[in-house]
N, C-alpha and C. Protein backbone atom coordinates (compact mmCIF):
# COMPACT_ATOMS: atom_id res chain seq x y z
N MET A 1 13.50 32.55 -1.27
CA MET A 1 13.99 33.69 -2.04
C MET A 1 13.48 35.01 -1.45
N VAL A 2 12.16 35.05 -1.18
CA VAL A 2 11.58 36.29 -0.66
C VAL A 2 12.19 36.66 0.67
N ASP A 3 12.37 35.68 1.57
CA ASP A 3 12.88 36.00 2.90
C ASP A 3 14.30 36.54 2.83
N ARG A 4 15.12 36.05 1.91
CA ARG A 4 16.49 36.55 1.78
C ARG A 4 16.49 37.99 1.31
N LEU A 5 15.60 38.31 0.37
CA LEU A 5 15.54 39.67 -0.14
C LEU A 5 14.98 40.64 0.88
N LEU A 6 13.98 40.20 1.64
CA LEU A 6 13.34 41.09 2.61
C LEU A 6 14.31 41.53 3.69
N SER A 7 15.29 40.72 3.99
CA SER A 7 16.20 41.05 5.08
C SER A 7 17.02 42.30 4.79
N TRP A 8 17.06 42.73 3.52
CA TRP A 8 17.81 43.93 3.15
C TRP A 8 16.98 45.20 3.26
N LEU A 9 15.70 45.08 3.54
CA LEU A 9 14.81 46.22 3.32
C LEU A 9 14.24 46.83 4.59
N GLY A 10 14.84 46.62 5.74
CA GLY A 10 14.22 47.02 6.98
C GLY A 10 14.62 48.36 7.55
N HIS A 11 15.55 49.12 6.94
CA HIS A 11 15.97 50.36 7.57
C HIS A 11 16.23 51.42 6.52
N PRO A 12 16.16 52.72 6.91
CA PRO A 12 16.39 53.82 5.97
C PRO A 12 17.81 53.84 5.46
N GLY A 13 18.06 54.61 4.39
CA GLY A 13 19.36 54.60 3.74
C GLY A 13 20.33 55.65 4.25
N GLN A 14 21.58 55.58 3.76
CA GLN A 14 22.59 56.54 4.12
C GLN A 14 23.73 56.49 3.10
N ASP A 15 24.76 57.29 3.34
CA ASP A 15 26.01 57.39 2.54
C ASP A 15 25.97 58.11 1.16
N PHE A 16 26.98 58.57 0.68
CA PHE A 16 27.13 59.28 -0.62
C PHE A 16 28.54 59.10 -1.31
N ALA A 17 38.76 65.90 -10.00
CA ALA A 17 38.94 65.87 -11.42
C ALA A 17 37.71 66.49 -11.98
N ASP A 18 37.27 67.35 -11.89
CA ASP A 18 36.17 68.28 -11.70
C ASP A 18 35.44 68.59 -13.00
N GLY A 19 34.14 68.39 -13.02
CA GLY A 19 33.27 68.85 -14.09
C GLY A 19 33.37 68.08 -15.39
N ALA A 20 33.98 66.92 -15.41
CA ALA A 20 34.06 66.15 -16.65
C ALA A 20 32.66 65.83 -17.13
N PHE A 21 32.43 65.97 -18.42
CA PHE A 21 31.07 65.81 -18.95
C PHE A 21 31.07 64.85 -20.13
N SER A 22 30.05 64.04 -20.21
CA SER A 22 29.88 63.20 -21.39
C SER A 22 28.41 63.06 -21.69
N GLU A 23 28.11 62.90 -22.96
CA GLU A 23 26.75 62.60 -23.37
C GLU A 23 26.87 61.54 -24.44
N ARG A 24 26.48 60.31 -24.11
CA ARG A 24 26.78 59.18 -24.99
C ARG A 24 25.67 58.13 -24.86
N PRO A 25 25.61 57.15 -25.71
CA PRO A 25 24.62 56.09 -25.57
C PRO A 25 24.76 55.38 -24.24
N ALA A 26 23.67 54.87 -23.70
CA ALA A 26 23.66 54.27 -22.37
C ALA A 26 24.28 52.87 -22.37
N ALA A 27 25.02 52.42 -21.85
CA ALA A 27 25.53 51.03 -21.69
C ALA A 27 24.56 50.38 -20.69
N SER A 28 12.51 55.88 9.21
CA SER A 28 12.19 55.33 10.51
C SER A 28 11.07 56.14 11.14
N SER A 29 9.93 56.20 10.53
CA SER A 29 8.77 57.02 10.84
C SER A 29 7.61 56.18 11.32
N PRO A 30 6.65 56.75 12.06
CA PRO A 30 5.45 55.98 12.41
C PRO A 30 4.79 55.44 11.16
N ARG A 31 4.14 54.30 11.27
CA ARG A 31 3.63 53.62 10.08
C ARG A 31 2.54 54.39 9.38
N ASN A 32 1.86 55.28 10.07
CA ASN A 32 0.79 56.03 9.41
C ASN A 32 1.28 57.32 8.79
N ARG A 33 2.61 57.54 8.81
CA ARG A 33 3.15 58.74 8.22
C ARG A 33 3.74 58.40 6.87
N ARG A 34 3.55 59.30 5.91
CA ARG A 34 4.05 59.04 4.56
C ARG A 34 5.58 58.99 4.57
N PRO A 35 6.18 57.90 4.09
CA PRO A 35 7.63 57.79 4.13
C PRO A 35 8.29 58.77 3.19
N ARG A 36 9.48 59.23 3.57
CA ARG A 36 10.23 60.13 2.72
C ARG A 36 11.20 59.34 1.85
N THR A 37 11.75 60.02 0.86
CA THR A 37 12.73 59.38 -0.01
C THR A 37 14.10 59.49 0.64
N ALA A 38 14.72 58.35 0.92
CA ALA A 38 15.94 58.36 1.73
C ALA A 38 17.05 59.19 1.09
N PHE A 39 17.27 59.05 -0.24
CA PHE A 39 18.42 59.71 -0.84
C PHE A 39 18.22 61.21 -0.91
N VAL A 40 16.98 61.69 -0.78
CA VAL A 40 16.71 63.12 -0.74
C VAL A 40 16.71 63.64 0.68
N SER A 41 16.03 62.95 1.58
CA SER A 41 15.83 63.47 2.93
C SER A 41 17.12 63.54 3.73
N ARG A 42 18.14 62.79 3.34
CA ARG A 42 19.38 62.79 4.10
C ARG A 42 20.44 63.72 3.52
N LEU A 43 20.12 64.49 2.52
CA LEU A 43 21.09 65.43 1.99
C LEU A 43 21.39 66.52 3.01
N PRO A 44 22.63 67.04 3.06
CA PRO A 44 22.95 68.15 3.96
C PRO A 44 22.08 69.36 3.66
N ALA A 45 21.95 70.24 4.65
CA ALA A 45 21.09 71.42 4.49
C ALA A 45 21.49 72.27 3.30
N ASP A 46 22.80 72.38 3.05
CA ASP A 46 23.27 73.21 1.94
C ASP A 46 22.91 72.62 0.59
N PHE A 47 22.42 71.38 0.56
CA PHE A 47 22.02 70.74 -0.69
C PHE A 47 20.52 70.92 -0.92
N ASP A 48 19.92 71.90 -0.24
CA ASP A 48 18.47 72.04 -0.31
C ASP A 48 17.98 72.23 -1.74
N GLY A 49 18.76 72.95 -2.56
CA GLY A 49 18.34 73.16 -3.95
C GLY A 49 18.29 71.86 -4.72
N LEU A 50 19.30 71.01 -4.52
CA LEU A 50 19.33 69.71 -5.19
C LEU A 50 18.19 68.84 -4.68
N SER A 51 17.92 68.92 -3.39
CA SER A 51 16.82 68.16 -2.80
C SER A 51 15.50 68.53 -3.46
N ARG A 52 15.26 69.83 -3.64
CA ARG A 52 14.00 70.28 -4.23
C ARG A 52 13.86 69.81 -5.67
N LEU A 53 14.97 69.80 -6.41
CA LEU A 53 14.92 69.37 -7.81
C LEU A 53 14.36 67.97 -7.94
N PHE A 54 14.87 67.05 -7.13
CA PHE A 54 14.45 65.67 -7.24
C PHE A 54 13.15 65.40 -6.49
N ARG A 55 12.95 66.06 -5.34
CA ARG A 55 11.74 65.83 -4.57
C ARG A 55 10.51 66.23 -5.36
N SER A 56 10.59 67.35 -6.11
CA SER A 56 9.43 67.83 -6.84
C SER A 56 8.96 66.85 -7.90
N ALA A 57 9.90 66.08 -8.44
CA ALA A 57 9.54 65.11 -9.48
C ALA A 57 9.16 63.75 -8.93
N PHE A 58 9.48 63.51 -7.65
CA PHE A 58 9.35 62.15 -7.12
C PHE A 58 8.29 61.99 -6.04
N HIS A 59 7.99 63.05 -5.25
CA HIS A 59 7.25 62.84 -4.02
C HIS A 59 5.81 62.44 -4.23
N ASP A 60 5.24 62.69 -5.42
CA ASP A 60 3.85 62.35 -5.66
C ASP A 60 3.66 60.95 -6.26
N LEU A 61 4.74 60.25 -6.53
CA LEU A 61 4.61 58.92 -7.11
C LEU A 61 4.06 57.95 -6.07
N ASP A 62 3.06 57.14 -6.46
CA ASP A 62 2.55 56.14 -5.54
C ASP A 62 3.48 54.92 -5.57
N LEU A 63 3.16 53.91 -4.75
CA LEU A 63 4.06 52.77 -4.61
C LEU A 63 4.29 52.04 -5.92
N MET A 64 3.25 51.92 -6.74
CA MET A 64 3.40 51.19 -7.99
C MET A 64 4.31 51.94 -8.96
N LYS A 65 4.19 53.29 -8.98
CA LYS A 65 5.06 54.06 -9.85
C LYS A 65 6.50 54.02 -9.33
N ARG A 66 6.64 54.02 -8.00
CA ARG A 66 7.99 53.90 -7.45
C ARG A 66 8.58 52.54 -7.78
N ARG A 67 7.71 51.53 -7.87
CA ARG A 67 8.18 50.20 -8.27
C ARG A 67 8.84 50.29 -9.65
N ALA A 68 8.21 51.00 -10.57
CA ALA A 68 8.80 51.16 -11.90
C ALA A 68 10.14 51.89 -11.81
N PHE A 69 10.21 52.88 -10.92
CA PHE A 69 11.46 53.60 -10.70
C PHE A 69 12.57 52.64 -10.27
N PHE A 70 12.26 51.78 -9.26
CA PHE A 70 13.27 50.87 -8.75
C PHE A 70 13.65 49.82 -9.78
N LEU A 71 12.67 49.31 -10.54
CA LEU A 71 12.96 48.32 -11.56
C LEU A 71 13.89 48.89 -12.62
N ASN A 72 13.63 50.12 -13.04
CA ASN A 72 14.46 50.75 -14.05
C ASN A 72 15.84 51.10 -13.52
N ALA A 73 15.96 51.24 -12.21
CA ALA A 73 17.23 51.64 -11.61
C ALA A 73 18.23 50.50 -11.56
N THR A 74 17.82 49.29 -11.92
CA THR A 74 18.71 48.15 -11.76
C THR A 74 19.64 47.92 -12.94
N GLY A 75 19.47 48.60 -14.03
CA GLY A 75 20.31 48.38 -15.20
C GLY A 75 21.69 48.95 -15.01
N GLY A 76 22.53 48.27 -14.25
CA GLY A 76 23.87 48.75 -13.97
C GLY A 76 23.84 50.02 -13.14
N LEU A 77 22.77 50.19 -12.34
CA LEU A 77 22.56 51.40 -11.55
C LEU A 77 22.48 52.63 -12.42
N ILE A 78 22.06 52.47 -13.66
CA ILE A 78 21.78 53.61 -14.53
C ILE A 78 20.30 53.89 -14.45
N VAL A 79 19.93 55.11 -14.12
CA VAL A 79 18.53 55.44 -13.87
C VAL A 79 17.89 55.98 -15.13
N GLY A 80 16.79 55.34 -15.57
CA GLY A 80 16.05 55.85 -16.71
C GLY A 80 14.58 55.74 -16.40
N THR A 81 13.97 56.75 -15.84
CA THR A 81 12.63 56.67 -15.29
C THR A 81 11.85 57.93 -15.56
N PRO A 82 10.52 57.91 -15.27
CA PRO A 82 9.72 59.13 -15.37
C PRO A 82 10.26 60.25 -14.50
N LEU A 83 10.93 59.90 -13.40
CA LEU A 83 11.51 60.93 -12.55
C LEU A 83 12.45 61.81 -13.35
N PHE A 84 13.36 61.19 -14.11
CA PHE A 84 14.34 61.97 -14.83
C PHE A 84 13.82 62.47 -16.17
N ALA A 85 12.73 61.89 -16.63
CA ALA A 85 12.10 62.47 -17.81
C ALA A 85 11.54 63.84 -17.46
N ALA A 86 11.11 63.99 -16.20
CA ALA A 86 10.54 65.26 -15.74
C ALA A 86 11.63 66.28 -15.43
N VAL A 87 12.81 65.80 -15.07
CA VAL A 87 13.90 66.71 -14.76
C VAL A 87 14.66 67.00 -16.05
N LYS A 88 14.40 68.14 -16.66
CA LYS A 88 14.98 68.47 -17.95
C LYS A 88 16.47 68.76 -17.82
N ARG A 89 17.10 68.92 -18.98
CA ARG A 89 18.55 69.16 -18.98
C ARG A 89 18.94 70.36 -18.13
N ASP A 90 18.13 71.43 -18.17
CA ASP A 90 18.43 72.60 -17.36
C ASP A 90 18.46 72.23 -15.88
N GLY A 91 17.54 71.36 -15.48
CA GLY A 91 17.52 70.93 -14.10
C GLY A 91 18.75 70.12 -13.74
N LEU A 92 19.22 69.29 -14.67
CA LEU A 92 20.42 68.51 -14.43
C LEU A 92 21.65 69.41 -14.36
N GLU A 93 21.67 70.43 -15.20
CA GLU A 93 22.78 71.39 -15.14
C GLU A 93 22.78 72.10 -13.78
N ALA A 94 21.57 72.44 -13.29
CA ALA A 94 21.46 73.09 -11.99
C ALA A 94 21.95 72.16 -10.89
N ALA A 95 21.57 70.89 -10.98
CA ALA A 95 22.03 69.91 -10.00
C ALA A 95 23.55 69.78 -10.05
N ALA A 96 24.10 69.79 -11.26
CA ALA A 96 25.55 69.70 -11.42
C ALA A 96 26.25 70.88 -10.76
N GLU A 97 25.67 72.07 -10.89
CA GLU A 97 26.26 73.26 -10.28
C GLU A 97 26.26 73.16 -8.76
N ILE A 98 25.20 72.59 -8.20
CA ILE A 98 25.13 72.42 -6.74
C ILE A 98 26.22 71.47 -6.27
N LEU A 99 26.40 70.36 -6.99
CA LEU A 99 27.45 69.41 -6.61
C LEU A 99 28.84 70.02 -6.80
N LYS A 100 29.00 70.81 -7.85
CA LYS A 100 30.28 71.47 -8.09
C LYS A 100 30.62 72.40 -6.94
N ALA A 101 29.62 73.17 -6.49
CA ALA A 101 29.84 74.09 -5.38
C ALA A 101 30.14 73.34 -4.09
N ALA A 102 29.46 72.21 -3.90
CA ALA A 102 29.65 71.43 -2.67
C ALA A 102 31.07 70.86 -2.59
N THR A 103 31.59 70.38 -3.72
CA THR A 103 32.95 69.85 -3.71
C THR A 103 33.98 70.98 -3.61
N ALA A 104 33.69 72.10 -4.26
CA ALA A 104 34.62 73.23 -4.22
C ALA A 104 34.75 73.80 -2.81
N SER A 105 33.64 73.77 -2.05
CA SER A 105 33.65 74.32 -0.69
C SER A 105 34.14 73.33 0.35
N GLY A 106 34.34 72.08 -0.06
CA GLY A 106 34.84 71.08 0.87
C GLY A 106 33.78 70.34 1.64
N GLN A 107 32.50 70.55 1.33
CA GLN A 107 31.44 69.80 2.01
C GLN A 107 31.58 68.30 1.77
N ILE A 108 31.94 67.95 0.55
CA ILE A 108 32.20 66.56 0.20
C ILE A 108 33.46 66.53 -0.66
N ASP A 109 34.15 65.40 -0.65
CA ASP A 109 35.40 65.29 -1.41
C ASP A 109 35.16 65.08 -2.89
N ALA A 110 34.15 64.29 -3.22
CA ALA A 110 33.89 63.97 -4.62
C ALA A 110 32.43 63.61 -4.80
N ALA A 111 31.95 63.78 -6.01
CA ALA A 111 30.56 63.43 -6.32
C ALA A 111 30.47 63.05 -7.79
N SER A 112 29.50 62.21 -8.09
CA SER A 112 29.25 61.80 -9.47
C SER A 112 27.76 61.91 -9.75
N LEU A 113 27.41 62.59 -10.82
CA LEU A 113 26.02 62.71 -11.25
C LEU A 113 25.88 61.94 -12.55
N HIS A 114 25.05 60.92 -12.54
CA HIS A 114 24.91 60.04 -13.70
C HIS A 114 23.44 59.76 -13.93
N VAL A 115 22.91 60.23 -15.04
CA VAL A 115 21.48 60.08 -15.33
C VAL A 115 21.31 59.56 -16.74
N SER A 116 20.44 58.56 -16.91
CA SER A 116 20.16 57.98 -18.22
C SER A 116 18.69 58.14 -18.54
N GLN A 117 18.40 58.59 -19.75
CA GLN A 117 17.04 58.64 -20.24
C GLN A 117 17.05 58.22 -21.70
N GLY A 118 16.43 57.09 -22.00
CA GLY A 118 16.48 56.59 -23.37
C GLY A 118 17.90 56.21 -23.73
N ASP A 119 18.39 56.73 -24.85
CA ASP A 119 19.73 56.39 -25.32
C ASP A 119 20.79 57.40 -24.91
N THR A 120 20.42 58.39 -24.11
CA THR A 120 21.35 59.45 -23.75
C THR A 120 21.71 59.39 -22.27
N VAL A 121 22.99 59.60 -22.00
CA VAL A 121 23.48 59.62 -20.62
C VAL A 121 24.03 60.99 -20.31
N PHE A 122 23.60 61.56 -19.20
CA PHE A 122 24.16 62.81 -18.69
C PHE A 122 25.10 62.45 -17.55
N GLY A 123 26.39 62.75 -17.71
CA GLY A 123 27.33 62.37 -16.67
C GLY A 123 28.35 63.45 -16.38
N ARG A 124 28.53 63.75 -15.09
CA ARG A 124 29.58 64.68 -14.66
C ARG A 124 30.16 64.19 -13.35
N VAL A 125 31.43 64.47 -13.15
CA VAL A 125 32.07 64.12 -11.89
C VAL A 125 32.75 65.37 -11.33
N PHE A 126 32.86 65.41 -10.01
CA PHE A 126 33.40 66.58 -9.33
C PHE A 126 34.29 66.15 -8.18
N GLY A 127 35.23 67.02 -7.81
CA GLY A 127 35.99 66.79 -6.60
C GLY A 127 37.43 66.42 -6.82
N THR A 128 38.11 66.14 -5.71
CA THR A 128 39.55 65.91 -5.73
C THR A 128 39.93 64.51 -5.28
N ALA A 129 38.95 63.64 -5.08
CA ALA A 129 39.27 62.27 -4.67
C ALA A 129 40.06 61.59 -5.78
N PRO A 130 40.96 60.66 -5.42
CA PRO A 130 41.74 59.95 -6.45
C PRO A 130 40.83 59.28 -7.48
N SER A 131 41.23 59.38 -8.73
CA SER A 131 40.50 58.73 -9.83
C SER A 131 39.03 59.12 -9.86
N SER A 132 38.76 60.42 -9.67
CA SER A 132 37.37 60.89 -9.72
C SER A 132 36.96 61.03 -11.18
N VAL A 133 36.54 59.92 -11.75
CA VAL A 133 36.14 59.88 -13.15
C VAL A 133 34.78 59.21 -13.24
N GLU A 134 34.23 59.15 -14.45
CA GLU A 134 32.87 58.66 -14.61
C GLU A 134 32.67 57.22 -14.15
N ASP A 135 33.70 56.39 -14.25
CA ASP A 135 33.54 55.00 -13.84
C ASP A 135 34.21 54.72 -12.49
N SER A 136 34.37 55.77 -11.67
CA SER A 136 34.91 55.58 -10.33
C SER A 136 34.01 54.67 -9.51
N VAL A 137 34.61 53.94 -8.58
CA VAL A 137 33.86 53.05 -7.71
C VAL A 137 33.48 53.79 -6.43
N PHE A 138 32.19 53.80 -6.10
CA PHE A 138 31.69 54.44 -4.90
C PHE A 138 31.10 53.40 -3.96
N LEU A 139 31.14 53.69 -2.65
CA LEU A 139 30.47 52.84 -1.68
C LEU A 139 28.97 52.98 -1.87
N LEU A 140 28.30 51.90 -2.25
CA LEU A 140 26.87 51.95 -2.56
C LEU A 140 26.01 52.02 -1.31
N ALA A 141 26.39 51.26 -0.28
CA ALA A 141 25.60 51.24 0.95
C ALA A 141 24.13 50.99 0.64
N SER A 142 23.25 51.84 1.13
CA SER A 142 21.82 51.59 1.01
C SER A 142 21.27 51.81 -0.39
N ILE A 143 22.09 52.30 -1.32
CA ILE A 143 21.62 52.39 -2.70
C ILE A 143 21.29 50.98 -3.22
N SER A 144 21.92 49.97 -2.62
CA SER A 144 21.64 48.59 -3.04
C SER A 144 20.20 48.19 -2.75
N LYS A 145 19.50 48.97 -1.93
CA LYS A 145 18.09 48.66 -1.65
C LYS A 145 17.25 48.73 -2.93
N THR A 146 17.65 49.56 -3.88
CA THR A 146 16.89 49.62 -5.13
C THR A 146 16.92 48.27 -5.84
N ILE A 147 18.07 47.58 -5.75
CA ILE A 147 18.19 46.27 -6.37
C ILE A 147 17.28 45.28 -5.66
N SER A 148 17.34 45.28 -4.33
CA SER A 148 16.52 44.35 -3.56
C SER A 148 15.03 44.61 -3.78
N THR A 149 14.66 45.89 -3.80
CA THR A 149 13.25 46.24 -4.01
C THR A 149 12.77 45.78 -5.38
N ALA A 150 13.60 46.00 -6.40
CA ALA A 150 13.23 45.57 -7.74
C ALA A 150 13.06 44.06 -7.79
N ALA A 151 13.95 43.33 -7.12
CA ALA A 151 13.86 41.87 -7.10
C ALA A 151 12.60 41.41 -6.38
N VAL A 152 12.30 42.05 -5.24
CA VAL A 152 11.08 41.71 -4.51
C VAL A 152 9.84 41.97 -5.35
N MET A 153 9.80 43.11 -6.04
CA MET A 153 8.62 43.45 -6.83
C MET A 153 8.52 42.59 -8.08
N THR A 154 9.62 42.03 -8.54
CA THR A 154 9.56 41.06 -9.63
C THR A 154 8.82 39.81 -9.16
N LEU A 155 9.10 39.39 -7.92
CA LEU A 155 8.36 38.26 -7.35
C LEU A 155 6.89 38.61 -7.15
N PHE A 156 6.62 39.86 -6.82
CA PHE A 156 5.23 40.32 -6.70
C PHE A 156 4.52 40.18 -8.05
N ASP A 157 5.20 40.59 -9.11
CA ASP A 157 4.61 40.46 -10.45
C ASP A 157 4.32 39.01 -10.81
N GLN A 158 5.09 38.10 -10.24
CA GLN A 158 4.89 36.67 -10.50
C GLN A 158 3.83 36.06 -9.59
N GLY A 159 3.22 36.88 -8.73
CA GLY A 159 2.17 36.40 -7.85
C GLY A 159 2.67 35.61 -6.65
N LYS A 160 3.93 35.78 -6.29
CA LYS A 160 4.51 35.02 -5.18
C LYS A 160 4.03 35.52 -3.81
N PHE A 161 3.58 36.76 -3.73
CA PHE A 161 3.12 37.31 -2.46
C PHE A 161 2.26 38.54 -2.73
N ALA A 162 1.58 39.01 -1.69
CA ALA A 162 0.83 40.26 -1.73
C ALA A 162 1.57 41.27 -0.86
N LEU A 163 1.48 42.54 -1.21
CA LEU A 163 2.22 43.56 -0.48
C LEU A 163 1.84 43.62 0.99
N ASP A 164 0.61 43.26 1.30
CA ASP A 164 0.16 43.32 2.69
C ASP A 164 0.27 41.98 3.41
N ASP A 165 1.00 41.03 2.82
CA ASP A 165 1.30 39.79 3.52
C ASP A 165 2.23 40.08 4.70
N PRO A 166 2.01 39.45 5.85
CA PRO A 166 2.93 39.61 6.97
C PRO A 166 4.31 39.03 6.63
N VAL A 167 5.35 39.69 7.11
CA VAL A 167 6.70 39.18 6.90
C VAL A 167 6.84 37.79 7.52
N ALA A 168 6.12 37.56 8.62
CA ALA A 168 6.19 36.27 9.32
C ALA A 168 5.73 35.10 8.45
N THR A 169 4.99 35.40 7.38
CA THR A 169 4.59 34.34 6.46
C THR A 169 5.82 33.69 5.83
N PHE A 170 6.86 34.48 5.61
CA PHE A 170 8.07 33.99 4.95
C PHE A 170 9.22 33.78 5.93
N ILE A 171 9.19 34.50 7.06
CA ILE A 171 10.19 34.30 8.11
C ILE A 171 9.41 34.03 9.40
N PRO A 172 9.01 32.79 9.64
CA PRO A 172 8.15 32.45 10.79
C PRO A 172 8.70 32.92 12.13
N GLU A 173 10.02 33.02 12.24
CA GLU A 173 10.63 33.44 13.51
C GLU A 173 10.42 34.93 13.79
N PHE A 174 9.96 35.68 12.80
CA PHE A 174 9.80 37.13 12.94
C PHE A 174 8.49 37.43 13.68
N THR A 175 8.49 37.21 14.99
CA THR A 175 7.29 37.40 15.81
C THR A 175 7.68 38.05 17.13
N GLY A 176 6.67 38.48 17.88
CA GLY A 176 6.90 39.11 19.17
C GLY A 176 6.96 40.61 19.07
N GLU A 177 6.42 41.31 20.08
CA GLU A 177 6.41 42.77 20.13
C GLU A 177 5.73 43.38 18.91
N GLY A 178 4.75 42.68 18.36
CA GLY A 178 4.01 43.22 17.23
C GLY A 178 4.61 42.91 15.87
N ARG A 179 5.71 42.17 15.82
CA ARG A 179 6.35 41.87 14.54
C ARG A 179 5.44 41.11 13.59
N GLU A 180 4.57 40.26 14.15
CA GLU A 180 3.70 39.46 13.29
C GLU A 180 2.74 40.32 12.48
N LYS A 181 2.59 41.61 12.85
CA LYS A 181 1.71 42.51 12.11
C LYS A 181 2.44 43.28 11.00
N ILE A 182 3.76 43.23 11.01
CA ILE A 182 4.55 43.97 10.03
C ILE A 182 4.41 43.32 8.65
N THR A 183 4.12 44.13 7.65
CA THR A 183 3.89 43.62 6.30
C THR A 183 5.08 43.91 5.38
N ILE A 184 5.06 43.25 4.24
CA ILE A 184 6.09 43.51 3.23
C ILE A 184 6.02 44.96 2.76
N ARG A 185 4.81 45.48 2.61
CA ARG A 185 4.66 46.87 2.19
C ARG A 185 5.37 47.81 3.18
N GLN A 186 5.23 47.53 4.47
CA GLN A 186 5.84 48.39 5.48
C GLN A 186 7.36 48.31 5.45
N LEU A 187 7.90 47.13 5.12
CA LEU A 187 9.35 47.04 4.94
C LEU A 187 9.80 47.86 3.75
N LEU A 188 9.08 47.74 2.65
CA LEU A 188 9.47 48.43 1.42
C LEU A 188 9.39 49.94 1.56
N THR A 189 8.50 50.43 2.41
CA THR A 189 8.32 51.88 2.58
C THR A 189 8.97 52.41 3.85
N HIS A 190 9.80 51.57 4.50
CA HIS A 190 10.58 51.99 5.67
C HIS A 190 9.72 52.46 6.83
N VAL A 191 8.60 51.81 7.06
CA VAL A 191 7.75 52.15 8.20
C VAL A 191 7.44 50.89 9.02
N SER A 192 8.38 49.98 9.09
CA SER A 192 8.17 48.71 9.80
C SER A 192 8.44 48.82 11.29
N GLY A 193 9.19 49.84 11.70
CA GLY A 193 9.58 49.95 13.10
C GLY A 193 10.98 49.45 13.38
N LEU A 194 11.60 48.77 12.41
CA LEU A 194 12.98 48.34 12.59
C LEU A 194 13.91 49.55 12.62
N PRO A 195 14.97 49.51 13.42
CA PRO A 195 15.87 50.67 13.52
C PRO A 195 16.73 50.84 12.28
N ASP A 196 17.47 51.94 12.27
CA ASP A 196 18.33 52.28 11.14
C ASP A 196 19.35 51.18 10.87
N GLN A 197 19.92 50.62 11.92
CA GLN A 197 20.84 49.50 11.76
C GLN A 197 20.87 48.69 13.05
N LEU A 198 21.41 47.51 12.95
CA LEU A 198 21.45 46.61 14.10
C LEU A 198 22.49 47.09 15.11
N PRO A 199 22.26 46.87 16.40
CA PRO A 199 23.26 47.24 17.41
C PRO A 199 24.62 46.58 17.15
N GLU A 200 24.60 45.35 16.65
CA GLU A 200 25.84 44.63 16.38
C GLU A 200 26.27 44.72 14.92
N ASN A 201 25.79 45.73 14.22
CA ASN A 201 26.05 45.88 12.79
C ASN A 201 27.55 45.90 12.48
N ALA A 202 28.31 46.72 13.22
CA ALA A 202 29.74 46.85 12.94
C ALA A 202 30.46 45.51 13.14
N LYS A 203 30.11 44.80 14.20
CA LYS A 203 30.74 43.51 14.47
C LYS A 203 30.43 42.50 13.38
N LEU A 204 29.17 42.44 12.96
CA LEU A 204 28.77 41.49 11.93
C LEU A 204 29.48 41.79 10.61
N ARG A 205 29.56 43.07 10.27
CA ARG A 205 30.22 43.45 9.01
C ARG A 205 31.71 43.16 9.07
N ALA A 206 32.33 43.49 10.19
CA ALA A 206 33.77 43.27 10.33
C ALA A 206 34.11 41.78 10.23
N GLY A 207 33.19 40.94 10.70
CA GLY A 207 33.43 39.51 10.65
C GLY A 207 32.91 38.84 9.40
N HIS A 208 32.43 39.66 8.43
CA HIS A 208 31.88 39.13 7.18
C HIS A 208 30.84 38.05 7.46
N ALA A 209 29.95 38.37 8.40
CA ALA A 209 28.91 37.41 8.81
C ALA A 209 27.98 37.10 7.64
N PRO A 210 27.44 35.89 7.60
CA PRO A 210 26.51 35.53 6.52
C PRO A 210 25.19 36.28 6.69
N LEU A 211 24.42 36.33 5.62
CA LEU A 211 23.14 37.03 5.64
C LEU A 211 22.23 36.49 6.74
N SER A 212 22.29 35.19 6.98
CA SER A 212 21.44 34.58 8.00
C SER A 212 21.70 35.18 9.38
N ALA A 213 22.95 35.58 9.66
CA ALA A 213 23.27 36.18 10.95
C ALA A 213 22.61 37.55 11.10
N PHE A 214 22.54 38.31 10.00
CA PHE A 214 21.86 39.60 10.03
C PHE A 214 20.36 39.41 10.25
N VAL A 215 19.80 38.39 9.61
CA VAL A 215 18.37 38.11 9.78
C VAL A 215 18.08 37.75 11.23
N GLU A 216 18.90 36.88 11.80
CA GLU A 216 18.71 36.48 13.20
C GLU A 216 18.80 37.67 14.13
N ALA A 217 19.74 38.58 13.87
CA ALA A 217 19.89 39.77 14.71
C ALA A 217 18.69 40.70 14.55
N ALA A 218 18.17 40.81 13.33
CA ALA A 218 17.01 41.67 13.10
C ALA A 218 15.79 41.15 13.84
N ILE A 219 15.66 39.85 13.95
CA ILE A 219 14.53 39.25 14.67
C ILE A 219 14.60 39.60 16.16
N ARG A 220 15.82 39.69 16.70
CA ARG A 220 16.00 39.98 18.12
C ARG A 220 15.96 41.47 18.44
N THR A 221 16.20 42.33 17.46
CA THR A 221 16.33 43.77 17.71
C THR A 221 14.99 44.40 18.08
N PRO A 222 14.92 45.15 19.19
CA PRO A 222 13.67 45.81 19.58
C PRO A 222 13.19 46.79 18.51
N LEU A 223 11.89 46.86 18.32
CA LEU A 223 11.30 47.80 17.36
C LEU A 223 11.29 49.21 17.95
N LEU A 224 11.43 50.21 17.10
CA LEU A 224 11.33 51.60 17.53
C LEU A 224 9.89 52.00 17.79
N PHE A 225 8.97 51.38 17.08
CA PHE A 225 7.54 51.57 17.29
C PHE A 225 6.83 50.34 16.77
N ALA A 226 5.61 50.13 17.23
CA ALA A 226 4.86 48.94 16.83
C ALA A 226 3.45 49.32 16.43
């Protein structure tokens, strides 16, 4: 179980009818450098204001507090965490204005802001993409890492592994070029040395390759640093 989940956690994230609002009940850095938050660090430069809003509430959380963030993020991808408890409604309105401006200027076609805290949901959608509504389907891409991380940390809570256990303990083939020193903690914090994506990523995805094929490719892929 652990080895299947770990295979999703080796690289940084990517990817991302106007102003509809509702408020309703909720249904690749060196290893010694502090990792950044992928969904913040990859925002375009013009989104700097939105980046600061979320970074200020998130960047001081240690790994255990981030674990709570990821665990809470799994409820249908509705986020209800200390991060958003700190970001008051005014901050969410400010974030909404930034997204509104971004879609109006053509930087992005559509955006959805959806935040849950307790029994209240703050939701707005922006842009001109077809069916840009609150329940629109978006390409999740690396957002799915929150699910994998939560699942891994659930196993941690059950005592199945320690954060500083080598990955090779669970995937014995993961050796060579310093791989045997890479820990689960380093995978979870994106400082393992694995690249952003596999060289054969497009081919594997196009062929709907099984997870085992991605794992095998990751074992062969040269590390960016060791």
